[in-house]
Amino acid sequence: MLTFFTSCCPFEGRRLIAQENAIESWIKLDKNCEIIILGKEKNLSEITKRYNIVCDQNIKYSEFKVPFVSSLFKRAEQIAKFDILCYVNCDIILLSDFLPAVEIITKQFKQLLAVGQRWDVEITEKINYDNKEWEKDLLEVVRQKGKLHSPSGMDYFIFRRGLWTNIPDFSLARQRFDNWFVWDALRRRIPTIDITQSVTVVHQTHPRLINPAEFRKNIELGRGKMRDACHTEWILVKGKLKKR
């Protein structure tokens, strides 16, 4: 089975709606999946208790009070129940096609890195997951209003425990770390797979107000080490792995 892990923003305003929508979608995938939220954000312990998921505060933060990617991944591997892990941003909704895709690729490769593009959609209300048609309704919204994000922005990473031991101190959600992941896997000849064509991954758009200084270190750390979903060695199409 699979361990999802993430780090959240404070659970308030639009972020509260987006993050609860995301978490509940992961829970819907399979009750046996593990979910870990790492961090010390406002209302986090209350949220994790409500959903009966793991909360862990043992991570390191940058000077801008943003989690270090290296710390998140190291801690997740230390406490995860399962050897297959998936980091996913906490505003991402996953649908029923996600786990079947994970099963296919993890059966094929001993170690791997799988990534993909997302669909950007504005969602301002709580999704009613008790409605049996919620996924069908959401897919219709994606069809009508969604925009496929460029391959350079990747919001989820599927891998087996032990893939990384030397992640630089990128700040989370501040560009470049996702591109470094693909670059590093390719450099080490780890199988890389783009699963965009086999899954619908929904990003709930929201305003972002970030100090440009927060990006500068990430940009420098990632300089010359940029790859994206279009550079992967493999693609997953209709349940079949194909060489790119």
Protein backbone atom coordinates (compact mmCIF):
# COMPACT_ATOMS: atom_id res chain seq x y z
CA MET A 1 0.00 0.00 0.00
CA LEU A 2 0.94 3.66 -0.16
CA THR A 3 1.92 6.44 2.27
CA PHE A 4 0.92 9.97 1.30
CA PHE A 5 2.76 12.80 2.99
CA THR A 6 2.52 16.57 2.79
CA SER A 7 2.87 19.85 4.65
CA CYS A 8 0.08 22.39 4.95
CA CYS A 9 -0.59 26.10 5.21
CA PRO A 10 -2.67 27.33 8.16
CA PHE A 11 -6.20 25.92 8.00
CA GLU A 12 -8.10 29.15 7.48
CA GLY A 13 -10.00 30.95 4.71
CA ARG A 14 -9.66 29.56 1.19
CA ARG A 15 -6.78 27.37 2.34
CA LEU A 16 -9.05 25.60 4.82
CA ILE A 17 -11.48 24.65 2.04
CA ALA A 18 -8.76 23.62 -0.43
CA GLN A 19 -6.78 21.55 2.05
CA GLU A 20 -9.80 19.74 3.47
CA ASN A 21 -10.97 18.99 -0.10
CA ALA A 22 -7.55 17.54 -0.86
CA ILE A 23 -7.20 15.45 2.30
CA GLU A 24 -10.67 13.97 1.98
CA SER A 25 -9.98 12.97 -1.63
CA TRP A 26 -6.90 11.02 -0.51
CA ILE A 27 -8.89 9.30 2.23
CA LYS A 28 -11.49 8.28 -0.36
CA LEU A 29 -8.90 6.45 -2.48
CA ASP A 30 -8.41 3.53 -0.08
CA LYS A 31 -8.91 3.28 3.67
CA ASN A 32 -5.64 1.35 3.96
CA CYS A 33 -3.49 4.20 2.62
CA GLU A 34 -1.52 6.12 5.22
CA ILE A 35 -1.60 9.92 5.33
CA ILE A 36 1.06 11.95 7.14
CA ILE A 37 0.96 15.71 7.56
CA LEU A 38 4.25 17.21 8.66
CA GLY A 39 4.53 20.61 10.32
CA LYS A 40 3.38 22.96 13.04
CA GLU A 41 0.72 25.00 11.26
CA LYS A 42 -2.29 26.58 12.91
CA ASN A 43 -5.14 24.14 13.64
CA LEU A 44 -3.15 21.19 12.26
CA SER A 45 -3.54 18.90 15.28
CA GLU A 46 -7.30 19.52 15.28
CA ILE A 47 -7.55 18.63 11.60
CA THR A 48 -5.46 15.46 11.87
CA LYS A 49 -7.49 14.26 14.84
CA ARG A 50 -10.73 14.87 12.96
CA TYR A 51 -9.57 12.78 10.01
CA ASN A 52 -7.64 10.25 12.11
CA ILE A 53 -4.41 10.78 10.20
CA VAL A 54 -0.79 11.12 11.33
CA CYS A 55 0.60 14.47 12.46
CA ASP A 56 4.33 14.90 13.01
CA GLN A 57 6.11 18.15 13.94
CA ASN A 58 9.71 16.97 13.66
CA ILE A 59 10.77 18.95 10.61
CA LYS A 60 13.06 21.92 9.98
CA TYR A 61 12.06 25.31 8.61
CA SER A 62 13.85 27.99 6.59
CA GLU A 63 14.41 31.53 7.79
CA PHE A 64 11.10 32.36 6.09
CA LYS A 65 9.29 29.78 8.25
CA VAL A 66 8.78 27.47 5.27
CA PRO A 67 9.53 23.74 5.60
CA PHE A 68 12.73 22.43 4.05
CA VAL A 69 11.99 19.81 1.40
CA SER A 70 14.95 17.74 2.59
CA SER A 71 13.55 17.60 6.12
CA LEU A 72 10.04 16.66 4.95
CA PHE A 73 11.23 13.76 2.84
CA LYS A 74 13.70 12.48 5.43
CA ARG A 75 11.12 12.49 8.20
CA ALA A 76 8.42 10.92 6.03
CA GLU A 77 10.73 8.01 5.18
CA GLN A 78 11.59 7.55 8.86
CA ILE A 79 7.98 7.18 10.02
CA ALA A 80 6.07 5.87 6.97
CA LYS A 81 4.41 2.47 7.34
CA PHE A 82 4.86 1.64 3.67
CA ASP A 83 7.87 1.55 1.35
CA ILE A 84 6.00 3.26 -1.50
CA LEU A 85 5.56 6.95 -0.74
CA CYS A 86 3.90 9.85 -2.47
CA TYR A 87 4.57 13.46 -1.62
CA VAL A 88 1.59 15.55 -2.76
CA ASN A 89 0.88 19.25 -2.28
CA CYS A 90 -1.96 19.86 0.15
CA ASP A 91 -4.19 21.63 -2.36
CA ILE A 92 -4.24 18.68 -4.78
CA ILE A 93 -7.35 16.52 -5.28
CA LEU A 94 -6.68 12.93 -6.40
CA LEU A 95 -9.26 10.77 -8.17
CA SER A 96 -9.93 7.04 -8.46
CA ASP A 97 -7.49 6.62 -11.37
CA PHE A 98 -4.49 7.44 -9.17
CA LEU A 99 -3.88 4.21 -7.23
CA PRO A 100 -4.27 1.93 -10.28
CA ALA A 101 -1.55 3.96 -12.01
CA VAL A 102 0.70 3.67 -8.95
CA GLU A 103 0.17 -0.09 -8.88
CA ILE A 104 1.21 -0.49 -12.52
CA ILE A 105 4.43 1.48 -12.26
CA THR A 106 5.56 0.10 -8.90
CA LYS A 107 5.15 -3.47 -10.15
CA GLN A 108 7.43 -2.66 -13.08
CA PHE A 109 10.33 -0.95 -11.32
CA LYS A 110 12.28 -1.71 -8.15
CA GLN A 111 13.05 2.01 -7.67
CA LEU A 112 11.43 4.87 -9.57
CA LEU A 113 10.28 8.46 -9.67
CA ALA A 114 6.84 9.16 -11.09
CA VAL A 115 5.54 12.68 -11.71
CA GLY A 116 2.95 14.41 -13.84
CA GLN A 117 1.07 17.56 -14.73
CA ARG A 118 -1.97 18.91 -12.92
CA TRP A 119 -5.22 20.53 -13.96
CA ASP A 120 -5.66 24.03 -12.54
CA VAL A 121 -9.26 24.74 -11.52
CA GLU A 122 -10.82 27.37 -9.28
CA ILE A 123 -12.79 25.64 -6.52
CA THR A 124 -14.16 27.88 -3.79
CA GLU A 125 -16.55 25.54 -1.99
CA LYS A 126 -16.27 22.40 0.07
CA ILE A 127 -16.78 19.25 -2.00
CA ASN A 128 -19.55 16.97 -0.78
CA TYR A 129 -17.83 13.60 -0.79
CA ASP A 130 -21.02 11.91 0.40
CA ASN A 131 -22.44 12.61 -3.05
CA LYS A 132 -21.77 9.47 -5.09
CA GLU A 133 -21.44 11.63 -8.20
CA TRP A 134 -18.76 13.95 -6.77
CA GLU A 135 -15.99 12.64 -9.01
CA LYS A 136 -18.11 12.76 -12.14
CA ASP A 137 -19.17 16.31 -11.28
CA LEU A 138 -15.58 17.39 -10.66
CA LEU A 139 -14.38 15.89 -13.93
CA GLU A 140 -17.04 17.91 -15.73
CA VAL A 141 -15.75 21.09 -14.06
CA VAL A 142 -12.22 20.17 -15.15
CA ARG A 143 -13.44 19.57 -18.70
CA GLN A 144 -15.20 22.91 -18.87
CA LYS A 145 -12.89 25.18 -16.88
CA GLY A 146 -9.64 23.36 -16.21
CA LYS A 147 -6.28 24.31 -17.63
CA LEU A 148 -3.46 21.80 -17.90
CA HIS A 149 -0.44 23.24 -16.10
CA SER A 150 2.93 23.31 -17.83
CA PRO A 151 5.20 20.25 -17.37
CA SER A 152 7.64 22.34 -15.33
CA GLY A 153 5.34 22.54 -12.29
CA MET A 154 4.95 19.14 -10.61
CA ASP A 155 2.90 18.70 -7.44
CA TYR A 156 3.32 15.00 -6.65
CA PHE A 157 6.21 12.53 -6.55
CA ILE A 158 5.86 8.76 -6.26
CA PHE A 159 8.93 6.78 -5.19
CA ARG A 160 10.19 3.98 -2.96
CA ARG A 161 11.85 4.53 0.38
CA GLY A 162 15.57 5.20 0.05
CA LEU A 163 15.51 7.08 -3.26
CA TRP A 164 17.09 10.26 -1.87
CA THR A 165 19.74 10.88 0.76
CA ASN A 166 21.14 14.23 -0.40
CA ILE A 167 18.28 16.61 -1.19
CA PRO A 168 19.50 20.23 -1.04
CA ASP A 169 17.79 22.60 1.40
CA PHE A 170 15.09 23.83 -0.94
CA SER A 171 12.16 25.63 0.65
CA LEU A 172 8.85 23.93 -0.03
CA ALA A 173 6.54 25.41 -2.72
CA ARG A 174 9.13 27.99 -3.81
CA GLN A 175 10.04 26.66 -7.28
CA ARG A 176 12.86 24.50 -8.62
CA PHE A 177 12.88 21.64 -6.10
CA ASP A 178 10.48 19.61 -8.25
CA ASN A 179 12.68 20.10 -11.30
CA TRP A 180 15.74 19.09 -9.26
CA PHE A 181 14.05 15.81 -8.35
CA VAL A 182 13.64 14.82 -12.01
CA TRP A 183 17.16 16.01 -12.87
CA ASP A 184 18.69 14.00 -10.02
CA ALA A 185 16.77 10.81 -10.85
CA LEU A 186 17.81 11.04 -14.50
CA ARG A 187 21.42 11.71 -13.50
CA ARG A 188 21.44 8.54 -11.39
CA ARG A 189 19.60 6.52 -14.04
CA ILE A 190 16.58 5.95 -11.83
CA PRO A 191 13.52 5.09 -13.99
CA THR A 192 11.40 8.22 -14.40
CA ILE A 193 7.76 8.04 -15.45
CA ASP A 194 5.24 10.69 -16.53
CA ILE A 195 1.72 9.54 -15.61
CA THR A 196 -0.12 12.66 -16.81
CA GLN A 197 -2.06 10.80 -19.51
CA SER A 198 -3.35 8.19 -17.05
CA VAL A 199 -4.49 10.29 -14.09
CA THR A 200 -6.51 13.44 -13.51
CA VAL A 201 -4.82 15.45 -10.78
CA VAL A 202 -6.70 18.61 -9.77
CA HIS A 203 -5.01 21.70 -8.36
CA GLN A 204 -7.32 24.14 -6.59
CA THR A 205 -6.11 27.58 -7.63
CA HIS A 206 -5.70 30.30 -4.99
CA PRO A 207 -3.96 33.67 -4.54
CA ARG A 208 -0.27 33.57 -3.60
CA LEU A 209 1.50 36.43 -1.84
CA ILE A 210 5.15 35.47 -1.44
CA ASN A 211 8.22 37.58 -0.78
CA PRO A 212 10.55 37.25 -3.82
CA ALA A 213 13.47 36.71 -1.45
CA GLU A 214 11.97 33.31 -0.60
CA PHE A 215 12.58 32.14 -4.17
CA ARG A 216 16.18 33.26 -4.53
CA LYS A 217 17.84 30.44 -2.62
CA ASN A 218 15.78 27.81 -4.46
CA ILE A 219 16.67 29.37 -7.80
CA GLU A 220 20.36 29.26 -6.95
CA LEU A 221 20.21 25.69 -5.64
CA GLY A 222 18.45 24.54 -8.79
CA ARG A 223 20.56 26.46 -11.29
CA GLY A 224 21.59 24.18 -14.16
CA LYS A 225 19.68 21.24 -12.64
CA MET A 226 16.27 21.65 -14.25
CA ARG A 227 14.19 18.88 -15.76
CA ASP A 228 10.43 18.37 -15.85
CA ALA A 229 7.70 15.87 -16.69
CA CYS A 230 8.53 16.06 -20.41
CA HIS A 231 12.05 14.80 -19.75
CA THR A 232 11.05 11.50 -18.16
CA GLU A 233 12.24 8.26 -19.73
CA TRP A 234 8.82 6.59 -19.63
CA ILE A 235 5.16 7.56 -20.00
CA LEU A 236 2.10 5.68 -18.77
CA VAL A 237 -0.67 5.61 -21.37
CA LYS A 238 -3.89 3.57 -21.06
CA GLY A 239 -2.32 1.29 -18.48
CA LYS A 240 0.79 0.63 -20.55
CA LEU A 241 4.32 1.86 -19.97
CA LYS A 242 6.00 3.22 -23.09
CA LYS A 243 9.44 4.59 -23.76
CA ARG A 244 9.27 8.31 -24.49
